[in-house]
Amino acid sequence: MAPFDTTGKKVALALALASGATAPKAAEQAQVSLRTVRRKLANPAFRRLVSRLRGDMLAAALGRMAENMTRAADTVAGLLDEENAAIRLRAARTMLSLGLRLRDSVDLGERVRELERELAQKQGVTP
């Protein structure tokens, strides 16, 4: 039997797993046996590859979402001028609710970064 170490199948399997495919489905997509999938998943380096690919996918998706958040906010803001009072009210509630959540998230992120800086200073490490 030929060794599995062919880059194409390794990457195909890692991508399938990173995308959320089950082991049997990933084996089918990568054209390898289920036994091979299980053997590869027992390898820490391969699991790190799957994790890194999943992180890259999530980062790309987050980038697309961030890119479109302004459009979404503009859409909701545009609904504030609707003639229908129920639509205006729902748009206003949405803007207020999401605005407060976003502010809380930003504030929390800043507080965590400040605590990390303080901890790093106390430990004598550059943050």
C-alpha atoms as a PDB file:
ATOM      1  CA  MET A   1       0.000   0.000   0.000  1.00  0.00           C
ATOM      2  CA  ALA A   2       1.307   3.479  -0.901  1.00  0.00           C
ATOM      3  CA  PRO A   3       2.096   5.789   2.021  1.00  0.00           C
ATOM      4  CA  PHE A   4      -0.569   8.346   2.901  1.00  0.00           C
ATOM      5  CA  ASP A   5       1.894  11.205   3.027  1.00  0.00           C
ATOM      6  CA  THR A   6       0.749  12.633  -0.300  1.00  0.00           C
ATOM      7  CA  THR A   7       0.161  16.324   0.308  1.00  0.00           C
ATOM      8  CA  GLY A   8      -3.055  16.463  -1.685  1.00  0.00           C
ATOM      9  CA  LYS A   9      -4.868  13.813   0.351  1.00  0.00           C
ATOM     10  CA  LYS A  10      -3.455  15.060   3.651  1.00  0.00           C
ATOM     11  CA  VAL A  11      -4.649  18.589   2.965  1.00  0.00           C
ATOM     12  CA  ALA A  12      -7.970  17.380   1.566  1.00  0.00           C
ATOM     13  CA  LEU A  13      -8.566  15.357   4.720  1.00  0.00           C
ATOM     14  CA  ALA A  14      -7.515  18.214   6.987  1.00  0.00           C
ATOM     15  CA  LEU A  15      -9.772  20.652   5.112  1.00  0.00           C
ATOM     16  CA  ALA A  16     -12.723  18.286   5.294  1.00  0.00           C
ATOM     17  CA  LEU A  17     -12.262  17.838   9.038  1.00  0.00           C
ATOM     18  CA  ALA A  18     -11.668  21.565   9.595  1.00  0.00           C
ATOM     19  CA  SER A  19     -14.909  22.250   7.730  1.00  0.00           C
ATOM     20  CA  GLY A  20     -16.821  20.104  10.206  1.00  0.00           C
ATOM     21  CA  ALA A  21     -17.137  16.847   8.271  1.00  0.00           C
ATOM     22  CA  THR A  22     -17.507  13.709  10.345  1.00  0.00           C
ATOM     23  CA  ALA A  23     -14.659  11.199  10.151  1.00  0.00           C
ATOM     24  CA  PRO A  24     -16.549   8.916   7.719  1.00  0.00           C
ATOM     25  CA  LYS A  25     -17.573  11.864   5.515  1.00  0.00           C
ATOM     26  CA  ALA A  26     -14.030  13.315   5.597  1.00  0.00           C
ATOM     27  CA  ALA A  27     -12.627   9.905   4.600  1.00  0.00           C
ATOM     28  CA  GLU A  28     -15.008   9.820   1.658  1.00  0.00           C
ATOM     29  CA  GLN A  29     -14.164  13.382   0.589  1.00  0.00           C
ATOM     30  CA  ALA A  30     -10.408  12.821   0.825  1.00  0.00           C
ATOM     31  CA  GLN A  31     -10.690   9.363  -0.729  1.00  0.00           C
ATOM     32  CA  VAL A  32      -8.973   7.604   2.156  1.00  0.00           C
ATOM     33  CA  SER A  33     -10.094   4.887   4.535  1.00  0.00           C
ATOM     34  CA  LEU A  34     -11.743   5.578   7.864  1.00  0.00           C
ATOM     35  CA  ARG A  35      -8.815   3.782   9.470  1.00  0.00           C
ATOM     36  CA  THR A  36      -6.463   6.339   7.878  1.00  0.00           C
ATOM     37  CA  VAL A  37      -8.563   9.179   9.256  1.00  0.00           C
ATOM     38  CA  ARG A  38      -8.397   7.741  12.750  1.00  0.00           C
ATOM     39  CA  ARG A  39      -4.659   7.179  12.463  1.00  0.00           C
ATOM     40  CA  LYS A  40      -4.094  10.752  11.261  1.00  0.00           C
ATOM     41  CA  LEU A  41      -6.273  12.143  14.057  1.00  0.00           C
ATOM     42  CA  ALA A  42      -4.066  10.341  16.574  1.00  0.00           C
ATOM     43  CA  ASN A  43      -1.147  12.433  15.294  1.00  0.00           C
ATOM     44  CA  PRO A  44      -0.832  15.757  17.231  1.00  0.00           C
ATOM     45  CA  ALA A  45       0.815  17.511  14.267  1.00  0.00           C
ATOM     46  CA  PHE A  46      -2.107  16.603  12.020  1.00  0.00           C
ATOM     47  CA  ARG A  47      -4.626  17.775  14.628  1.00  0.00           C
ATOM     48  CA  ARG A  48      -2.724  21.087  14.815  1.00  0.00           C
ATOM     49  CA  LEU A  49      -2.995  21.369  11.016  1.00  0.00           C
ATOM     50  CA  VAL A  50      -6.761  20.817  11.214  1.00  0.00           C
ATOM     51  CA  SER A  51      -7.005  23.376  14.013  1.00  0.00           C
ATOM     52  CA  ARG A  52      -4.923  25.927  12.084  1.00  0.00           C
ATOM     53  CA  LEU A  53      -7.044  25.463   8.961  1.00  0.00           C
ATOM     54  CA  ARG A  54     -10.251  25.816  11.003  1.00  0.00           C
ATOM     55  CA  GLY A  55      -8.873  29.014  12.556  1.00  0.00           C
ATOM     56  CA  ASP A  56      -8.040  30.373   9.105  1.00  0.00           C
ATOM     57  CA  MET A  57     -11.559  29.586   7.913  1.00  0.00           C
ATOM     58  CA  LEU A  58     -13.093  31.292  10.935  1.00  0.00           C
ATOM     59  CA  ALA A  59     -10.868  34.336  10.474  1.00  0.00           C
ATOM     60  CA  ALA A  60     -11.931  34.617   6.837  1.00  0.00           C
ATOM     61  CA  ALA A  61     -15.602  34.301   7.773  1.00  0.00           C
ATOM     62  CA  LEU A  62     -15.211  36.891  10.518  1.00  0.00           C
ATOM     63  CA  GLY A  63     -13.555  39.234   8.033  1.00  0.00           C
ATOM     64  CA  ARG A  64     -16.487  38.871   5.657  1.00  0.00           C
ATOM     65  CA  MET A  65     -18.921  39.520   8.488  1.00  0.00           C
ATOM     66  CA  ALA A  66     -17.039  42.621   9.634  1.00  0.00           C
ATOM     67  CA  GLU A  67     -16.943  43.879   6.068  1.00  0.00           C
ATOM     68  CA  ASN A  68     -20.719  43.674   5.860  1.00  0.00           C
ATOM     69  CA  MET A  69     -21.579  44.997   9.319  1.00  0.00           C
ATOM     70  CA  THR A  70     -21.627  48.575   8.058  1.00  0.00           C
ATOM     71  CA  ARG A  71     -24.088  47.614   5.342  1.00  0.00           C
ATOM     72  CA  ALA A  72     -26.256  45.823   7.890  1.00  0.00           C
ATOM     73  CA  ALA A  73     -26.177  48.826  10.222  1.00  0.00           C
ATOM     74  CA  ASP A  74     -27.086  51.106   7.307  1.00  0.00           C
ATOM     75  CA  THR A  75     -30.016  48.837   6.456  1.00  0.00           C
ATOM     76  CA  VAL A  76     -31.355  48.896  10.010  1.00  0.00           C
ATOM     77  CA  ALA A  77     -30.766  52.653  10.221  1.00  0.00           C
ATOM     78  CA  GLY A  78     -32.705  53.095   6.989  1.00  0.00           C
ATOM     79  CA  LEU A  79     -35.658  51.314   8.571  1.00  0.00           C
ATOM     80  CA  LEU A  80     -35.828  54.072  11.196  1.00  0.00           C
ATOM     81  CA  ASP A  81     -37.440  56.235   8.474  1.00  0.00           C
ATOM     82  CA  GLU A  82     -40.109  53.696   7.510  1.00  0.00           C
ATOM     83  CA  GLU A  83     -43.711  54.854   7.473  1.00  0.00           C
ATOM     84  CA  ASN A  84     -44.855  51.781   9.382  1.00  0.00           C
ATOM     85  CA  ALA A  85     -44.474  52.564  13.086  1.00  0.00           C
ATOM     86  CA  ALA A  86     -44.012  48.891  14.014  1.00  0.00           C
ATOM     87  CA  ILE A  87     -41.044  48.597  11.653  1.00  0.00           C
ATOM     88  CA  ARG A  88     -39.544  51.854  12.980  1.00  0.00           C
ATOM     89  CA  LEU A  89     -39.916  50.606  16.559  1.00  0.00           C
ATOM     90  CA  ARG A  90     -38.303  47.233  15.776  1.00  0.00           C
ATOM     91  CA  ALA A  91     -35.436  48.990  13.972  1.00  0.00           C
ATOM     92  CA  ALA A  92     -34.940  51.338  16.908  1.00  0.00           C
ATOM     93  CA  ARG A  93     -34.932  48.450  19.388  1.00  0.00           C
ATOM     94  CA  THR A  94     -32.475  46.555  17.229  1.00  0.00           C
ATOM     95  CA  MET A  95     -30.129  49.543  16.957  1.00  0.00           C
ATOM     96  CA  LEU A  96     -30.235  50.200  20.697  1.00  0.00           C
ATOM     97  CA  SER A  97     -29.855  46.556  21.670  1.00  0.00           C
ATOM     98  CA  LEU A  98     -26.997  45.798  19.291  1.00  0.00           C
ATOM     99  CA  GLY A  99     -25.326  49.124  19.995  1.00  0.00           C
ATOM    100  CA  LEU A 100     -25.267  48.431  23.727  1.00  0.00           C
ATOM    101  CA  ARG A 101     -23.967  44.896  23.179  1.00  0.00           C
ATOM    102  CA  LEU A 102     -21.219  46.154  20.892  1.00  0.00           C
ATOM    103  CA  ARG A 103     -20.224  48.818  23.402  1.00  0.00           C
ATOM    104  CA  ASP A 104     -20.105  46.225  26.192  1.00  0.00           C
ATOM    105  CA  SER A 105     -18.000  43.928  24.042  1.00  0.00           C
ATOM    106  CA  VAL A 106     -15.534  46.687  23.172  1.00  0.00           C
ATOM    107  CA  ASP A 107     -15.350  47.808  26.807  1.00  0.00           C
ATOM    108  CA  LEU A 108     -14.765  44.258  27.991  1.00  0.00           C
ATOM    109  CA  GLY A 109     -12.032  43.746  25.397  1.00  0.00           C
ATOM    110  CA  GLU A 110     -10.280  46.922  26.528  1.00  0.00           C
ATOM    111  CA  ARG A 111     -10.516  45.875  30.187  1.00  0.00           C
ATOM    112  CA  VAL A 112      -9.063  42.440  29.415  1.00  0.00           C
ATOM    113  CA  ARG A 113      -6.170  44.000  27.477  1.00  0.00           C
ATOM    114  CA  GLU A 114      -5.484  46.378  30.378  1.00  0.00           C
ATOM    115  CA  LEU A 115      -5.476  43.496  32.868  1.00  0.00           C
ATOM    116  CA  GLU A 116      -3.140  41.533  30.603  1.00  0.00           C
ATOM    117  CA  ARG A 117      -0.768  44.531  30.442  1.00  0.00           C
ATOM    118  CA  GLU A 118      -0.814  44.902  34.229  1.00  0.00           C
ATOM    119  CA  LEU A 119      -0.173  41.199  34.732  1.00  0.00           C
ATOM    120  CA  ALA A 120       2.661  41.252  32.215  1.00  0.00           C
ATOM    121  CA  GLN A 121       4.244  44.228  34.016  1.00  0.00           C
ATOM    122  CA  LYS A 122       4.026  42.454  37.358  1.00  0.00           C
ATOM    123  CA  GLN A 123       5.608  39.365  35.812  1.00  0.00           C
ATOM    124  CA  GLY A 124       8.268  41.457  34.082  1.00  0.00           C
ATOM    125  CA  VAL A 125       7.184  40.292  30.651  1.00  0.00           C
ATOM    126  CA  THR A 126       6.498  42.393  27.578  1.00  0.00           C
ATOM    127  CA  PRO A 127       2.805  42.000  26.641  1.00  0.00           C
END
